[in-house]
Amino acid sequence: MADYMNNIGCCKVDAIVTLDSKGQIVLPKDIREKAGLKPSDKLAIVCCQDSGKAEVCCLIMVKAEKLEEPVKKALEPILKEIFK
């Protein structure tokens, strides 16, 4: 996986965060600013697993609003076919 990440060219470690006793994290201010995150913004968490393993190896956070159009494009043809 490390080779894959090196080939992307856009990914790097910008911060290390700690999970608190409630399972919460704080995103550092500079990361929130770079991502354009504001209070009450929704984030979708995408989990990645190595095939055949139960343990999650990667968590990706995506602004929920950025997922709306791709999900709509993917599901719209399927739903139209189902509800003909």
PDB file of N, CA and C in Angstrom:
ATOM      1  N   MET A   1       0.821  -1.188   0.000  1.00  0.00           N
ATOM      2  CA  MET A   1       0.000   0.000   0.000  1.00  0.00           C
ATOM      3  C   MET A   1       0.864   1.251   0.000  1.00  0.00           C
ATOM      4  N   ALA A   2       2.007   1.213   0.643  1.00  0.00           N
ATOM      5  CA  ALA A   2       2.883   2.377   0.682  1.00  0.00           C
ATOM      6  C   ALA A   2       3.305   2.794  -0.718  1.00  0.00           C
ATOM      7  N   ASP A   3       3.620   1.828  -1.601  1.00  0.00           N
ATOM      8  CA  ASP A   3       3.998   2.166  -2.968  1.00  0.00           C
ATOM      9  C   ASP A   3       2.848   2.856  -3.685  1.00  0.00           C
ATOM     10  N   TYR A   4       1.637   2.381  -3.481  1.00  0.00           N
ATOM     11  CA  TYR A   4       0.455   2.989  -4.095  1.00  0.00           C
ATOM     12  C   TYR A   4       0.328   4.444  -3.659  1.00  0.00           C
ATOM     13  N   MET A   5       0.458   4.700  -2.365  1.00  0.00           N
ATOM     14  CA  MET A   5       0.320   6.054  -1.840  1.00  0.00           C
ATOM     15  C   MET A   5       1.415   6.958  -2.396  1.00  0.00           C
ATOM     16  N   ASN A   6       2.628   6.441  -2.564  1.00  0.00           N
ATOM     17  CA  ASN A   6       3.711   7.253  -3.106  1.00  0.00           C
ATOM     18  C   ASN A   6       3.445   7.633  -4.552  1.00  0.00           C
ATOM     19  N   ASN A   7       2.748   6.780  -5.306  1.00  0.00           N
ATOM     20  CA  ASN A   7       2.472   7.048  -6.712  1.00  0.00           C
ATOM     21  C   ASN A   7       1.354   8.061  -6.920  1.00  0.00           C
ATOM     22  N   ILE A   8       0.520   8.267  -5.934  1.00  0.00           N
ATOM     23  CA  ILE A   8      -0.584   9.207  -6.086  1.00  0.00           C
ATOM     24  C   ILE A   8      -0.054  10.627  -6.225  1.00  0.00           C
ATOM     25  N   GLY A   9       0.923  10.981  -5.430  1.00  0.00           N
ATOM     26  CA  GLY A   9       1.510  12.296  -5.521  1.00  0.00           C
ATOM     27  C   GLY A   9       0.773  13.376  -4.753  1.00  0.00           C
ATOM     28  N   CYS A  10      -0.423  13.086  -4.285  1.00  0.00           N
ATOM     29  CA  CYS A  10      -1.191  14.123  -3.586  1.00  0.00           C
ATOM     30  C   CYS A  10      -1.372  13.804  -2.111  1.00  0.00           C
ATOM     31  N   CYS A  11      -0.995  12.649  -1.689  1.00  0.00           N
ATOM     32  CA  CYS A  11      -1.247  12.230  -0.307  1.00  0.00           C
ATOM     33  C   CYS A  11       0.017  12.326   0.525  1.00  0.00           C
ATOM     34  N   LYS A  12      -0.163  12.864   1.722  1.00  0.00           N
ATOM     35  CA  LYS A  12       0.953  12.934   2.666  1.00  0.00           C
ATOM     36  C   LYS A  12       0.374  13.016   4.070  1.00  0.00           C
ATOM     37  N   VAL A  13       1.177  12.759   5.052  1.00  0.00           N
ATOM     38  CA  VAL A  13       0.740  12.872   6.438  1.00  0.00           C
ATOM     39  C   VAL A  13       0.843  14.341   6.827  1.00  0.00           C
ATOM     40  N   ASP A  14      -0.295  14.970   7.072  1.00  0.00           N
ATOM     41  CA  ASP A  14      -0.322  16.375   7.478  1.00  0.00           C
ATOM     42  C   ASP A  14      -0.458  16.529   8.985  1.00  0.00           C
ATOM     43  N   ALA A  15      -0.998  15.510   9.647  1.00  0.00           N
ATOM     44  CA  ALA A  15      -1.207  15.600  11.089  1.00  0.00           C
ATOM     45  C   ALA A  15      -1.364  14.209  11.665  1.00  0.00           C
ATOM     46  N   ILE A  16      -1.044  14.085  12.920  1.00  0.00           N
ATOM     47  CA  ILE A  16      -1.313  12.882  13.697  1.00  0.00           C
ATOM     48  C   ILE A  16      -2.310  13.303  14.769  1.00  0.00           C
ATOM     49  N   VAL A  17      -3.422  12.585  14.864  1.00  0.00           N
ATOM     50  CA  VAL A  17      -4.450  12.910  15.851  1.00  0.00           C
ATOM     51  C   VAL A  17      -4.611  11.735  16.807  1.00  0.00           C
ATOM     52  N   THR A  18      -5.180  12.012  17.957  1.00  0.00           N
ATOM     53  CA  THR A  18      -5.376  10.988  18.988  1.00  0.00           C
ATOM     54  C   THR A  18      -6.855  10.805  19.245  1.00  0.00           C
ATOM     55  N   LEU A  19      -7.270   9.565  19.352  1.00  0.00           N
ATOM     56  CA  LEU A  19      -8.642   9.223  19.710  1.00  0.00           C
ATOM     57  C   LEU A  19      -8.794   9.403  21.216  1.00  0.00           C
ATOM     58  N   ASP A  20      -9.815  10.143  21.661  1.00  0.00           N
ATOM     59  CA  ASP A  20      -9.996  10.310  23.108  1.00  0.00           C
ATOM     60  C   ASP A  20     -10.817   9.155  23.680  1.00  0.00           C
ATOM     61  N   SER A  21     -11.099   9.209  24.957  1.00  0.00           N
ATOM     62  CA  SER A  21     -11.800   8.105  25.625  1.00  0.00           C
ATOM     63  C   SER A  21     -13.218   7.902  25.098  1.00  0.00           C
ATOM     64  N   LYS A  22     -13.781   8.907  24.440  1.00  0.00           N
ATOM     65  CA  LYS A  22     -15.111   8.794  23.846  1.00  0.00           C
ATOM     66  C   LYS A  22     -15.043   8.360  22.391  1.00  0.00           C
ATOM     67  N   GLY A  23     -13.847   8.132  21.872  1.00  0.00           N
ATOM     68  CA  GLY A  23     -13.685   7.731  20.479  1.00  0.00           C
ATOM     69  C   GLY A  23     -13.722   8.907  19.514  1.00  0.00           C
ATOM     70  N   GLN A  24     -13.512  10.102  20.025  1.00  0.00           N
ATOM     71  CA  GLN A  24     -13.565  11.304  19.196  1.00  0.00           C
ATOM     72  C   GLN A  24     -12.163  11.790  18.862  1.00  0.00           C
ATOM     73  N   ILE A  25     -12.073  12.502  17.737  1.00  0.00           N
ATOM     74  CA  ILE A  25     -10.801  13.133  17.360  1.00  0.00           C
ATOM     75  C   ILE A  25     -11.057  14.610  17.099  1.00  0.00           C
ATOM     76  N   VAL A  26     -10.003  15.388  17.189  1.00  0.00           N
ATOM     77  CA  VAL A  26     -10.065  16.798  16.827  1.00  0.00           C
ATOM     78  C   VAL A  26      -9.197  16.965  15.591  1.00  0.00           C
ATOM     79  N   LEU A  27      -9.792  17.528  14.541  1.00  0.00           N
ATOM     80  CA  LEU A  27      -9.009  17.827  13.345  1.00  0.00           C
ATOM     81  C   LEU A  27      -8.293  19.157  13.587  1.00  0.00           C
ATOM     82  N   PRO A  28      -6.987  19.190  13.402  1.00  0.00           N
ATOM     83  CA  PRO A  28      -6.252  20.436  13.635  1.00  0.00           C
ATOM     84  C   PRO A  28      -6.781  21.578  12.759  1.00  0.00           C
ATOM     85  N   LYS A  29      -6.697  22.788  13.276  1.00  0.00           N
ATOM     86  CA  LYS A  29      -7.229  23.962  12.603  1.00  0.00           C
ATOM     87  C   LYS A  29      -6.677  24.110  11.186  1.00  0.00           C
ATOM     88  N   ASP A  30      -5.378  23.920  11.009  1.00  0.00           N
ATOM     89  CA  ASP A  30      -4.802  24.104   9.671  1.00  0.00           C
ATOM     90  C   ASP A  30      -5.368  23.092   8.673  1.00  0.00           C
ATOM     91  N   ILE A  31      -5.671  21.885   9.132  1.00  0.00           N
ATOM     92  CA  ILE A  31      -6.270  20.868   8.258  1.00  0.00           C
ATOM     93  C   ILE A  31      -7.705  21.284   7.907  1.00  0.00           C
ATOM     94  N   ARG A  32      -8.463  21.734   8.916  1.00  0.00           N
ATOM     95  CA  ARG A  32      -9.836  22.196   8.657  1.00  0.00           C
ATOM     96  C   ARG A  32      -9.845  23.347   7.661  1.00  0.00           C
ATOM     97  N   GLU A  33      -8.894  24.260   7.812  1.00  0.00           N
ATOM     98  CA  GLU A  33      -8.829  25.401   6.893  1.00  0.00           C
ATOM     99  C   GLU A  33      -8.462  24.952   5.480  1.00  0.00           C
ATOM    100  N   LYS A  34      -7.462  24.075   5.340  1.00  0.00           N
ATOM    101  CA  LYS A  34      -7.069  23.570   4.020  1.00  0.00           C
ATOM    102  C   LYS A  34      -8.222  22.857   3.331  1.00  0.00           C
ATOM    103  N   ALA A  35      -9.029  22.124   4.112  1.00  0.00           N
ATOM    104  CA  ALA A  35     -10.142  21.358   3.559  1.00  0.00           C
ATOM    105  C   ALA A  35     -11.411  22.199   3.419  1.00  0.00           C
ATOM    106  N   GLY A  36     -11.372  23.435   3.910  1.00  0.00           N
ATOM    107  CA  GLY A  36     -12.556  24.283   3.842  1.00  0.00           C
ATOM    108  C   GLY A  36     -13.689  23.782   4.714  1.00  0.00           C
ATOM    109  N   LEU A  37     -13.355  23.146   5.837  1.00  0.00           N
ATOM    110  CA  LEU A  37     -14.374  22.595   6.737  1.00  0.00           C
ATOM    111  C   LEU A  37     -14.858  23.657   7.708  1.00  0.00           C
ATOM    112  N   LYS A  38     -16.169  23.675   7.907  1.00  0.00           N
ATOM    113  CA  LYS A  38     -16.776  24.615   8.828  1.00  0.00           C
ATOM    114  C   LYS A  38     -17.614  23.827   9.838  1.00  0.00           C
ATOM    115  N   PRO A  39     -17.936  24.452  10.989  1.00  0.00           N
ATOM    116  CA  PRO A  39     -18.795  23.764  11.945  1.00  0.00           C
ATOM    117  C   PRO A  39     -20.085  23.310  11.269  1.00  0.00           C
ATOM    118  N   SER A  40     -20.526  22.151  11.608  1.00  0.00           N
ATOM    119  CA  SER A  40     -21.736  21.475  11.111  1.00  0.00           C
ATOM    120  C   SER A  40     -21.570  20.850   9.726  1.00  0.00           C
ATOM    121  N   ASP A  41     -20.393  20.974   9.090  1.00  0.00           N
ATOM    122  CA  ASP A  41     -20.154  20.235   7.844  1.00  0.00           C
ATOM    123  C   ASP A  41     -20.231  18.744   8.141  1.00  0.00           C
ATOM    124  N   LYS A  42     -20.741  17.986   7.200  1.00  0.00           N
ATOM    125  CA  LYS A  42     -20.848  16.540   7.336  1.00  0.00           C
ATOM    126  C   LYS A  42     -19.695  15.883   6.585  1.00  0.00           C
ATOM    127  N   LEU A  43     -19.103  14.877   7.203  1.00  0.00           N
ATOM    128  CA  LEU A  43     -18.039  14.103   6.581  1.00  0.00           C
ATOM    129  C   LEU A  43     -18.476  12.654   6.457  1.00  0.00           C
ATOM    130  N   ALA A  44     -18.235  12.060   5.307  1.00  0.00           N
ATOM    131  CA  ALA A  44     -18.483  10.631   5.115  1.00  0.00           C
ATOM    132  C   ALA A  44     -17.169   9.911   5.394  1.00  0.00           C
ATOM    133  N   ILE A  45     -17.243   8.824   6.127  1.00  0.00           N
ATOM    134  CA  ILE A  45     -16.061   8.018   6.431  1.00  0.00           C
ATOM    135  C   ILE A  45     -16.096   6.786   5.542  1.00  0.00           C
ATOM    136  N   VAL A  46     -15.055   6.611   4.751  1.00  0.00           N
ATOM    137  CA  VAL A  46     -14.932   5.453   3.869  1.00  0.00           C
ATOM    138  C   VAL A  46     -13.873   4.542   4.473  1.00  0.00           C
ATOM    139  N   CYS A  47     -14.223   3.289   4.708  1.00  0.00           N
ATOM    140  CA  CYS A  47     -13.297   2.317   5.286  1.00  0.00           C
ATOM    141  C   CYS A  47     -12.723   1.428   4.185  1.00  0.00           C
ATOM    142  N   CYS A  48     -11.440   1.213   4.227  1.00  0.00           N
ATOM    143  CA  CYS A  48     -10.776   0.321   3.278  1.00  0.00           C
ATOM    144  C   CYS A  48     -10.189  -0.857   4.047  1.00  0.00           C
ATOM    145  N   GLN A  49     -10.344  -2.037   3.467  1.00  0.00           N
ATOM    146  CA  GLN A  49      -9.828  -3.257   4.084  1.00  0.00           C
ATOM    147  C   GLN A  49      -8.979  -4.001   3.072  1.00  0.00           C
ATOM    148  N   ASP A  50      -7.929  -4.666   3.576  1.00  0.00           N
ATOM    149  CA  ASP A  50      -7.180  -5.575   2.719  1.00  0.00           C
ATOM    150  C   ASP A  50      -8.101  -6.733   2.396  1.00  0.00           C
ATOM    151  N   SER A  51      -8.079  -7.187   1.162  1.00  0.00           N
ATOM    152  CA  SER A  51      -8.971  -8.285   0.796  1.00  0.00           C
ATOM    153  C   SER A  51      -8.687  -9.504   1.671  1.00  0.00           C
ATOM    154  N   GLY A  52      -9.748 -10.122   2.141  1.00  0.00           N
ATOM    155  CA  GLY A  52      -9.621 -11.318   2.959  1.00  0.00           C
ATOM    156  C   GLY A  52      -9.346 -11.055   4.428  1.00  0.00           C
ATOM    157  N   LYS A  53      -9.201  -9.785   4.822  1.00  0.00           N
ATOM    158  CA  LYS A  53      -8.936  -9.471   6.225  1.00  0.00           C
ATOM    159  C   LYS A  53     -10.104  -8.660   6.781  1.00  0.00           C
ATOM    160  N   ALA A  54     -10.415  -8.875   8.040  1.00  0.00           N
ATOM    161  CA  ALA A  54     -11.529  -8.178   8.669  1.00  0.00           C
ATOM    162  C   ALA A  54     -11.133  -6.778   9.150  1.00  0.00           C
ATOM    163  N   GLU A  55      -9.868  -6.571   9.427  1.00  0.00           N
ATOM    164  CA  GLU A  55      -9.415  -5.309   9.998  1.00  0.00           C
ATOM    165  C   GLU A  55      -9.359  -4.197   8.947  1.00  0.00           C
ATOM    166  N   VAL A  56      -9.858  -3.032   9.310  1.00  0.00           N
ATOM    167  CA  VAL A  56      -9.803  -1.860   8.436  1.00  0.00           C
ATOM    168  C   VAL A  56      -8.375  -1.325   8.459  1.00  0.00           C
ATOM    169  N   CYS A  57      -7.823  -1.057   7.280  1.00  0.00           N
ATOM    170  CA  CYS A  57      -6.446  -0.572   7.212  1.00  0.00           C
ATOM    171  C   CYS A  57      -6.371   0.920   6.907  1.00  0.00           C
ATOM    172  N   CYS A  58      -7.484   1.517   6.477  1.00  0.00           N
ATOM    173  CA  CYS A  58      -7.439   2.913   6.074  1.00  0.00           C
ATOM    174  C   CYS A  58      -8.822   3.535   6.243  1.00  0.00           C
ATOM    175  N   LEU A  59      -8.863   4.741   6.778  1.00  0.00           N
ATOM    176  CA  LEU A  59     -10.088   5.521   6.881  1.00  0.00           C
ATOM    177  C   LEU A  59      -9.903   6.777   6.042  1.00  0.00           C
ATOM    178  N   ILE A  60     -10.885   7.068   5.212  1.00  0.00           N
ATOM    179  CA  ILE A  60     -10.822   8.248   4.362  1.00  0.00           C
ATOM    180  C   ILE A  60     -12.024   9.116   4.692  1.00  0.00           C
ATOM    181  N   MET A  61     -11.796  10.401   4.928  1.00  0.00           N
ATOM    182  CA  MET A  61     -12.893  11.321   5.189  1.00  0.00           C
ATOM    183  C   MET A  61     -13.131  12.159   3.942  1.00  0.00           C
ATOM    184  N   VAL A  62     -14.388  12.246   3.543  1.00  0.00           N
ATOM    185  CA  VAL A  62     -14.787  12.992   2.355  1.00  0.00           C
ATOM    186  C   VAL A  62     -15.941  13.896   2.744  1.00  0.00           C
ATOM    187  N   LYS A  63     -15.916  15.147   2.290  1.00  0.00           N
ATOM    188  CA  LYS A  63     -17.065  16.011   2.539  1.00  0.00           C
ATOM    189  C   LYS A  63     -18.291  15.339   1.941  1.00  0.00           C
ATOM    190  N   ALA A  64     -19.325  15.188   2.739  1.00  0.00           N
ATOM    191  CA  ALA A  64     -20.533  14.497   2.295  1.00  0.00           C
ATOM    192  C   ALA A  64     -21.124  15.161   1.053  1.00  0.00           C
ATOM    193  N   GLU A  65     -21.050  16.469   0.978  1.00  0.00           N
ATOM    194  CA  GLU A  65     -21.616  17.178  -0.180  1.00  0.00           C
ATOM    195  C   GLU A  65     -20.902  16.810  -1.478  1.00  0.00           C
ATOM    196  N   LYS A  66     -19.651  16.386  -1.388  1.00  0.00           N
ATOM    197  CA  LYS A  66     -18.886  15.993  -2.573  1.00  0.00           C
ATOM    198  C   LYS A  66     -19.301  14.619  -3.083  1.00  0.00           C
ATOM    199  N   LEU A  67     -19.989  13.841  -2.262  1.00  0.00           N
ATOM    200  CA  LEU A  67     -20.419  12.500  -2.654  1.00  0.00           C
ATOM    201  C   LEU A  67     -21.770  12.488  -3.350  1.00  0.00           C
ATOM    202  N   GLU A  68     -22.543  13.530  -3.174  1.00  0.00           N
ATOM    203  CA  GLU A  68     -23.918  13.532  -3.682  1.00  0.00           C
ATOM    204  C   GLU A  68     -23.980  13.275  -5.185  1.00  0.00           C
ATOM    205  N   GLU A  69     -23.253  14.006  -5.974  1.00  0.00           N
ATOM    206  CA  GLU A  69     -23.331  13.881  -7.431  1.00  0.00           C
ATOM    207  C   GLU A  69     -22.808  12.529  -7.932  1.00  0.00           C
ATOM    208  N   PRO A  70     -21.624  12.058  -7.468  1.00  0.00           N
ATOM    209  CA  PRO A  70     -21.170  10.746  -7.936  1.00  0.00           C
ATOM    210  C   PRO A  70     -22.118   9.599  -7.564  1.00  0.00           C
ATOM    211  N   VAL A  71     -22.705   9.662  -6.365  1.00  0.00           N
ATOM    212  CA  VAL A  71     -23.641   8.614  -5.945  1.00  0.00           C
ATOM    213  C   VAL A  71     -24.893   8.677  -6.812  1.00  0.00           C
ATOM    214  N   LYS A  72     -25.373   9.877  -7.060  1.00  0.00           N
ATOM    215  CA  LYS A  72     -26.565  10.043  -7.905  1.00  0.00           C
ATOM    216  C   LYS A  72     -26.296   9.485  -9.306  1.00  0.00           C
ATOM    217  N   LYS A  73     -25.143   9.808  -9.880  1.00  0.00           N
ATOM    218  CA  LYS A  73     -24.804   9.319 -11.222  1.00  0.00           C
ATOM    219  C   LYS A  73     -24.706   7.794 -11.259  1.00  0.00           C
ATOM    220  N   ALA A  74     -24.188   7.211 -10.186  1.00  0.00           N
ATOM    221  CA  ALA A  74     -24.029   5.757 -10.140  1.00  0.00           C
ATOM    222  C   ALA A  74     -25.364   5.046  -9.947  1.00  0.00           C
ATOM    223  N   LEU A  75     -26.219   5.585  -9.090  1.00  0.00           N
ATOM    224  CA  LEU A  75     -27.461   4.899  -8.745  1.00  0.00           C
ATOM    225  C   LEU A  75     -28.639   5.226  -9.659  1.00  0.00           C
ATOM    226  N   GLU A  76     -28.647   6.395 -10.253  1.00  0.00           N
ATOM    227  CA  GLU A  76     -29.791   6.808 -11.063  1.00  0.00           C
ATOM    228  C   GLU A  76     -30.145   5.817 -12.175  1.00  0.00           C
ATOM    229  N   PRO A  77     -29.167   5.346 -12.982  1.00  0.00           N
ATOM    230  CA  PRO A  77     -29.528   4.380 -14.027  1.00  0.00           C
ATOM    231  C   PRO A  77     -30.060   3.059 -13.458  1.00  0.00           C
ATOM    232  N   ILE A  78     -29.500   2.641 -12.344  1.00  0.00           N
ATOM    233  CA  ILE A  78     -29.944   1.391 -11.714  1.00  0.00           C
ATOM    234  C   ILE A  78     -31.374   1.530 -11.230  1.00  0.00           C
ATOM    235  N   LEU A  79     -31.659   2.644 -10.556  1.00  0.00           N
ATOM    236  CA  LEU A  79     -33.008   2.852 -10.022  1.00  0.00           C
ATOM    237  C   LEU A  79     -34.032   3.027 -11.128  1.00  0.00           C
ATOM    238  N   LYS A  80     -33.659   3.708 -12.209  1.00  0.00           N
ATOM    239  CA  LYS A  80     -34.580   3.846 -13.337  1.00  0.00           C
ATOM    240  C   LYS A  80     -34.932   2.484 -13.910  1.00  0.00           C
ATOM    241  N   GLU A  81     -33.941   1.603 -13.996  1.00  0.00           N
ATOM    242  CA  GLU A  81     -34.176   0.251 -14.527  1.00  0.00           C
ATOM    243  C   GLU A  81     -35.090  -0.553 -13.589  1.00  0.00           C
ATOM    244  N   ILE A  82     -34.868  -0.421 -12.308  1.00  0.00           N
ATOM    245  CA  ILE A  82     -35.663  -1.165 -11.323  1.00  0.00           C
ATOM    246  C   ILE A  82     -37.115  -0.713 -11.343  1.00  0.00           C
ATOM    247  N   PHE A  83     -37.339   0.592 -11.445  1.00  0.00           N
ATOM    248  CA  PHE A  83     -38.691   1.137 -11.325  1.00  0.00           C
ATOM    249  C   PHE A  83     -39.362   1.436 -12.662  1.00  0.00           C
ATOM    250  N   LYS A  84     -38.966   0.729 -13.712  1.00  0.00           N
ATOM    251  CA  LYS A  84     -39.598   0.886 -15.029  1.00  0.00           C
ATOM    252  C   LYS A  84     -41.043   0.486 -14.973  1.00  0.00           C
TER     253      LYS A  84
END
